Protein backbone atom coordinates (compact mmCIF):
# COMPACT_ATOMS: atom_id res chain seq x y z
CA MET A 1 0.00 0.00 0.00
CA GLY A 2 1.31 3.43 -0.92
CA ASN A 3 0.46 6.69 0.79
CA GLY A 4 -1.67 9.56 -0.34
CA GLN A 5 -0.58 13.15 0.16
CA PHE A 6 -3.63 14.40 2.04
CA ILE A 7 -6.25 13.04 4.43
CA TRP A 8 -9.56 14.77 5.11
CA VAL A 9 -9.94 15.06 8.91
CA ASN A 10 -12.95 16.74 10.51
CA GLY A 11 -13.46 19.13 7.61
CA GLU A 12 -9.80 19.96 7.05
CA MET A 13 -7.37 18.59 4.49
CA VAL A 14 -4.16 17.69 6.33
CA SER A 15 -0.94 16.08 5.17
CA TRP A 16 -0.65 12.30 5.50
CA ASP A 17 1.94 12.53 8.28
CA ARG A 18 -0.12 14.98 10.36
CA ALA A 19 -3.17 12.74 10.65
CA SER A 20 -2.91 11.06 14.05
CA VAL A 21 -4.84 10.20 17.22
CA HIS A 22 -3.81 9.94 20.86
CA VAL A 23 -3.03 6.49 22.31
CA SER A 24 -5.92 6.94 24.77
CA ASN A 25 -8.36 7.14 21.86
CA HIS A 26 -11.54 5.20 22.64
CA SER A 27 -11.78 3.53 19.24
CA LEU A 28 -8.13 2.50 19.35
CA ASN A 29 -8.63 0.92 22.77
CA TYR A 30 -12.05 -0.67 22.29
CA GLY A 31 -12.60 -1.11 18.55
CA SER A 32 -15.55 1.31 18.46
CA ALA A 33 -14.74 2.88 15.07
CA VAL A 34 -16.86 2.26 11.99
CA PHE A 35 -15.64 2.47 8.42
CA GLU A 36 -16.23 1.87 4.73
CA GLY A 37 -14.07 0.58 1.91
CA ILE A 38 -14.74 2.17 -1.48
CA ARG A 39 -12.93 1.80 -4.80
CA PHE A 40 -12.46 4.33 -7.55
CA TYR A 41 -11.41 3.43 -11.07
CA GLU A 42 -9.73 5.07 -14.00
CA THR A 43 -12.12 5.75 -16.88
CA PRO A 44 -9.92 7.08 -19.71
CA GLU A 45 -12.59 6.60 -22.37
CA ASN A 46 -15.42 8.34 -20.51
CA LYS A 47 -16.04 12.03 -21.15
CA ASN A 48 -17.75 12.46 -17.76
CA GLY A 49 -14.52 12.26 -15.78
CA LYS A 50 -11.14 10.60 -15.47
CA SER A 51 -12.26 8.39 -12.57
CA THR A 52 -15.42 6.82 -11.17
CA ILE A 53 -16.20 6.14 -7.52
CA PHE A 54 -18.31 2.99 -7.34
CA ARG A 55 -21.60 3.13 -5.43
CA LEU A 56 -20.55 6.06 -3.26
CA GLU A 57 -24.10 6.84 -2.12
CA ASP A 58 -24.65 3.27 -0.90
CA HIS A 59 -21.35 3.25 0.99
CA VAL A 60 -22.09 6.59 2.64
CA ASN A 61 -25.55 5.38 3.64
CA ARG A 62 -24.04 2.33 5.30
CA LEU A 63 -21.39 4.45 7.01
CA PHE A 64 -24.11 6.55 8.62
CA TYR A 65 -26.02 3.43 9.63
CA SER A 66 -22.91 1.90 11.22
CA ALA A 67 -22.18 5.13 13.07
CA SER A 68 -25.75 5.25 14.41
CA VAL A 69 -25.43 1.69 15.70
CA MET A 70 -22.40 2.77 17.73
CA GLY A 71 -24.19 5.86 19.04
CA ASN A 72 -21.84 8.03 17.03
CA ASP A 73 -23.65 10.97 15.41
CA ILE A 74 -21.83 12.28 12.35
CA LYS A 75 -21.98 16.08 12.45
CA TYR A 76 -21.88 16.33 8.66
CA SER A 77 -24.63 15.52 6.19
CA LYS A 78 -24.40 12.60 3.80
CA LYS A 79 -23.88 15.05 0.94
CA GLU A 80 -21.06 16.78 2.79
CA ILE A 81 -19.30 13.46 3.36
CA SER A 82 -19.82 12.42 -0.27
CA ASP A 83 -18.42 15.76 -1.44
CA ALA A 84 -15.47 15.34 0.93
CA VAL A 85 -14.73 11.90 -0.55
CA VAL A 86 -14.66 13.39 -4.07
CA GLU A 87 -12.48 16.27 -2.90
CA THR A 88 -10.00 13.91 -1.21
CA VAL A 89 -9.69 11.81 -4.37
CA LYS A 90 -9.06 14.96 -6.40
CA VAL A 91 -6.39 16.52 -4.17
CA ASN A 92 -4.41 13.27 -4.02
CA ASN A 93 -4.21 13.14 -7.82
CA PHE A 94 -4.88 9.41 -8.05
CA VAL A 95 -6.97 8.14 -10.94
CA GLU A 96 -7.48 4.74 -9.32
CA GLY A 97 -7.34 3.48 -5.76
CA TYR A 98 -9.09 2.83 -2.46
CA ILE A 99 -11.03 5.14 -0.13
CA ARG A 100 -11.37 4.54 3.61
CA PRO A 101 -13.88 6.78 5.43
CA LEU A 102 -13.41 6.23 9.18
CA VAL A 103 -15.66 7.45 12.00
CA PHE A 104 -14.25 7.13 15.50
CA PHE A 105 -14.58 8.35 19.06
CA GLY A 106 -12.13 10.82 20.54
CA GLY A 107 -9.77 10.50 23.47
CA GLY A 108 -10.41 9.04 26.88
CA ILE A 109 -10.13 5.49 28.16
CA GLY A 110 -13.28 3.91 29.56
CA ILE A 111 -15.98 1.74 28.03
CA ASP A 112 -18.59 4.49 28.51
CA PHE A 113 -18.21 6.88 25.57
CA GLY A 114 -20.96 9.29 26.59
CA ASN A 115 -18.94 12.51 26.30
CA LYS A 116 -16.49 11.43 23.62
CA GLY A 117 -17.04 13.36 20.41
CA ALA A 118 -17.26 11.79 16.98
CA GLU A 119 -14.39 12.37 14.60
CA ILE A 120 -14.14 11.45 10.95
CA ALA A 121 -11.31 10.94 8.49
CA ILE A 122 -11.23 10.08 4.79
CA ILE A 123 -8.10 8.30 3.57
CA VAL A 124 -7.20 7.67 -0.08
CA PHE A 125 -4.36 5.49 -1.32
CA PRO A 126 -3.40 3.17 -4.21
CA TRP A 127 -4.62 -0.41 -3.97
CA GLY A 128 -3.70 -3.34 -6.18
CA ARG A 129 -5.61 -6.37 -7.40
CA TYR A 130 -6.13 -9.70 -5.69
CA SER A 131 -4.86 -12.70 -7.67
CA GLU A 132 -6.73 -13.19 -10.93
CA LYS A 133 -5.22 -16.70 -11.10
CA GLY A 134 -7.17 -17.75 -8.04
CA VAL A 135 -6.58 -18.07 -4.30
CA ARG A 136 -6.16 -21.10 -2.06
CA VAL A 137 -8.67 -21.14 0.79
CA CYS A 138 -9.08 -23.20 3.96
CA ILE A 139 -11.97 -23.67 6.37
CA PRO A 140 -10.64 -22.42 9.74
CA ASN A 141 -11.60 -23.92 13.08
CA LEU A 142 -12.71 -20.48 14.25
CA ARG A 143 -16.37 -19.70 13.54
CA LYS A 144 -17.89 -16.48 12.26
CA THR A 145 -19.13 -14.04 14.89
CA ASP A 146 -22.81 -14.79 15.45
CA SER A 147 -25.40 -12.17 14.53
CA ARG A 148 -26.85 -12.54 18.03
CA THR A 149 -23.66 -11.08 19.50
CA THR A 150 -23.29 -7.92 17.38
CA ASP A 151 -25.00 -5.92 14.63
CA ILE A 152 -23.77 -7.90 11.63
CA ASN A 153 -25.11 -5.21 9.25
CA ALA A 154 -22.69 -2.56 10.53
CA LYS A 155 -19.02 -2.26 9.58
CA ILE A 156 -17.64 -1.92 13.11
CA SER A 157 -13.88 -2.16 13.37
CA GLY A 158 -14.06 -4.35 16.49
CA ASN A 159 -16.05 -6.98 14.58
CA TYR A 160 -13.01 -7.63 12.42
CA GLN A 161 -10.94 -9.22 15.20
CA ASN A 162 -12.82 -12.40 14.25
CA SER A 163 -11.65 -12.05 10.64
CA ILE A 164 -8.08 -11.30 11.70
CA LEU A 165 -7.85 -14.41 13.88
CA ALA A 166 -9.34 -16.61 11.15
CA HIS A 167 -6.96 -15.14 8.58
CA LEU A 168 -3.99 -15.77 10.86
CA GLU A 169 -5.07 -19.39 11.15
CA ALA A 170 -5.23 -19.66 7.35
CA LYS A 171 -1.77 -18.12 6.90
CA LYS A 172 -0.27 -20.54 9.44
CA LYS A 173 -1.66 -23.36 7.30
CA ASN A 174 -0.09 -21.78 4.17
CA TYR A 175 -3.35 -20.70 2.57
CA ASP A 176 -4.08 -17.32 0.99
CA LEU A 177 -7.46 -16.74 2.64
CA CYS A 178 -10.10 -18.53 4.66
CA LEU A 179 -13.80 -19.23 4.31
CA LEU A 180 -15.61 -19.09 7.64
CA LEU A 181 -18.51 -21.21 8.77
CA ASP A 182 -21.11 -19.68 11.06
CA CYS A 183 -22.00 -21.04 14.49
CA ASN A 184 -24.50 -23.41 12.86
CA GLY A 185 -21.77 -24.93 10.69
CA GLU A 186 -23.06 -23.27 7.51
CA VAL A 187 -20.93 -21.34 5.01
CA SER A 188 -20.86 -17.60 5.76
CA GLU A 189 -18.13 -15.48 4.14
CA GLY A 190 -14.41 -14.80 3.89
CA PRO A 191 -12.50 -12.60 6.36
CA GLY A 192 -13.47 -9.52 4.36
CA GLU A 193 -15.30 -10.86 1.33
CA SER A 194 -18.60 -12.41 0.31
CA VAL A 195 -18.50 -15.79 -1.42
CA PHE A 196 -20.31 -17.12 -4.47
CA PHE A 197 -20.47 -20.65 -5.83
CA VAL A 198 -21.37 -21.75 -9.33
CA LYS A 199 -23.39 -24.92 -9.94
CA ASN A 200 -24.58 -25.64 -13.48
CA LYS A 201 -23.96 -21.94 -14.26
CA LYS A 202 -26.23 -20.81 -11.42
CA LEU A 203 -24.79 -18.22 -9.01
CA ILE A 204 -25.32 -19.36 -5.40
CA THR A 205 -24.44 -17.27 -2.34
CA PRO A 206 -25.19 -17.61 1.39
CA LYS A 207 -28.32 -15.73 2.42
CA LEU A 208 -28.20 -12.65 4.60
CA GLY A 209 -28.48 -12.96 8.34
CA ASN A 210 -25.02 -13.99 9.50
CA ILE A 211 -23.05 -12.09 6.86
CA LEU A 212 -22.44 -8.43 6.11
CA PRO A 213 -24.87 -7.13 3.44
CA SER A 214 -22.02 -6.52 1.01
CA ILE A 215 -22.54 -3.82 -1.61
CA THR A 216 -20.39 -5.78 -4.06
CA ARG A 217 -22.45 -8.92 -3.38
CA ASP A 218 -25.59 -6.92 -4.17
CA SER A 219 -23.97 -5.66 -7.39
CA VAL A 220 -23.03 -9.19 -8.49
CA LEU A 221 -26.56 -10.48 -7.86
CA LYS A 222 -28.14 -7.65 -9.87
CA LEU A 223 -25.63 -7.82 -12.71
CA GLY A 224 -25.87 -11.60 -12.82
CA ARG A 225 -29.64 -11.56 -13.19
CA GLU A 226 -29.50 -8.82 -15.83
CA ASN A 227 -27.01 -10.86 -17.85
CA GLY A 228 -28.96 -14.09 -17.90
CA PHE A 229 -27.57 -15.93 -14.88
CA GLU A 230 -29.92 -17.63 -12.48
CA THR A 231 -29.11 -16.57 -8.91
CA GLU A 232 -29.96 -18.05 -5.54
CA GLU A 233 -29.48 -16.77 -1.98
CA ARG A 234 -29.79 -19.63 0.49
CA VAL A 235 -28.16 -21.67 3.22
CA VAL A 236 -24.99 -23.33 1.88
CA ASN A 237 -23.77 -26.40 3.75
CA LEU A 238 -20.11 -27.31 3.93
CA SER A 239 -20.68 -30.63 2.17
CA GLU A 240 -22.11 -28.83 -0.87
CA ILE A 241 -18.84 -27.00 -1.56
CA TYR A 242 -17.28 -30.15 -2.95
CA GLU A 243 -20.07 -30.52 -5.49
CA MET A 244 -19.78 -26.98 -6.91
CA ASN A 245 -18.27 -26.21 -10.32
CA GLU A 246 -16.69 -22.84 -9.45
CA ALA A 247 -16.27 -20.47 -6.54
CA PHE A 248 -15.22 -16.85 -6.13
CA PHE A 249 -14.89 -14.13 -3.53
CA CYS A 250 -16.30 -10.66 -4.10
CA GLY A 251 -15.85 -7.39 -2.26
CA THR A 252 -14.62 -3.85 -2.66
CA ALA A 253 -10.99 -4.89 -2.21
CA ALA A 254 -11.34 -8.39 -3.68
CA GLU A 255 -13.52 -7.29 -6.63
CA ILE A 256 -14.13 -10.70 -8.28
CA THR A 257 -11.42 -13.14 -7.17
CA PRO A 258 -11.50 -16.78 -8.32
CA ILE A 259 -11.05 -19.51 -5.73
CA LYS A 260 -8.92 -22.37 -6.99
CA GLU A 261 -8.97 -24.55 -3.87
CA ILE A 262 -11.04 -24.97 -0.69
CA ALA A 263 -9.86 -27.39 1.99
CA ASP A 264 -10.93 -28.42 5.46
CA ASP A 265 -9.39 -31.01 7.77
CA ASP A 266 -11.01 -33.91 5.93
CA GLU A 267 -11.49 -32.96 2.29
CA ARG A 268 -10.18 -30.72 -0.48
CA LYS A 269 -11.87 -29.32 -3.56
CA ILE A 270 -9.87 -28.11 -6.59
CA PHE A 271 -11.76 -25.85 -8.98
CA GLU A 272 -10.50 -26.40 -12.51
CA THR A 273 -12.66 -23.93 -14.43
CA TYR A 274 -13.44 -20.22 -14.05
CA GLU A 275 -15.74 -19.82 -17.05
CA VAL A 276 -18.65 -18.19 -15.22
CA THR A 277 -16.37 -16.43 -12.73
CA ASN A 278 -14.43 -14.78 -15.54
CA LYS A 279 -17.64 -13.67 -17.24
CA VAL A 280 -18.96 -12.18 -14.00
CA ARG A 281 -15.65 -10.39 -13.46
CA GLU A 282 -15.72 -8.98 -16.99
CA ILE A 283 -19.25 -7.64 -16.49
CA TYR A 284 -18.38 -6.21 -13.08
CA MET A 285 -15.15 -4.49 -14.19
CA ASN A 286 -16.87 -2.98 -17.22
CA THR A 287 -19.59 -1.66 -14.93
CA VAL A 288 -17.25 -0.01 -12.42
CA ARG A 289 -15.37 1.67 -15.28
CA GLY A 290 -18.51 3.12 -16.84
CA LYS A 291 -18.46 0.85 -19.90
CA ASN A 292 -21.69 -0.89 -19.04
CA SER A 293 -25.09 -0.23 -17.52
CA HIS A 294 -25.79 1.32 -14.12
CA LEU A 295 -24.22 4.72 -14.56
CA GLU A 296 -26.33 5.68 -11.54
CA TRP A 297 -23.87 3.64 -9.44
CA LEU A 298 -20.97 5.84 -10.52
CA THR A 299 -19.76 9.18 -9.21
CA PHE A 300 -17.48 10.75 -11.79
CA VAL A 301 -14.40 12.68 -10.65
């Protein structure tokens, strides 16, 4: 990851090195921050702008929802935050990269955050691609955080300790990523990605409830249906994985990433074809670059 030049912090554009928080910061100590991950893409052939930010409105809406869950009132309007995102992309002079809006509580140790004010930062930096050749994935022993223990619909930084621990387990086993099961033993999602399977050219993904309502997942479902693919959101059992024809992760960072292997302690599945995955990725990448339908999803810069 490279650095940007400027970060938007509480309404002010500051240099990258000046953006800091005190070690007593509540969100640093207790994981009470909320955030979004947003991509923007170069669009050299589009007269509307040199870059497009993908589904900015939807990401900002979810940011505000997540903040409300944590009792953190953002003092700016959604339009002001959206405008600040565009401004931060512009001043950093990147045509393609990753945007991280972050809402967090100010200083002061103590679980009660009653008098701690909300702060917000918008970070922009370059971000590369996941492997287009496919990733090796294991089923970790650690289970996905249950929706009865947190608000699974909010992107709360503290929720990601579960993903970090599962990812560490995967790395120790020499895998690229992991695919978590929920507390019922059903397939949920990756450490930071939604998962899709392909069976007889049908796109199958775990239903909502114990997974984050991913904006990329929603995009894939809509684009898949519009391009003639049958789609299904349902419970996916572990045993079914080994009967699938293809599998892929999707997410803001992952985009559309093929899975070439899934393994648990007892069985391993090698995926030998990416025909549908590659088609979905082509449709998705054309969409985010303004070469396809859904221009309403794009904010041109």
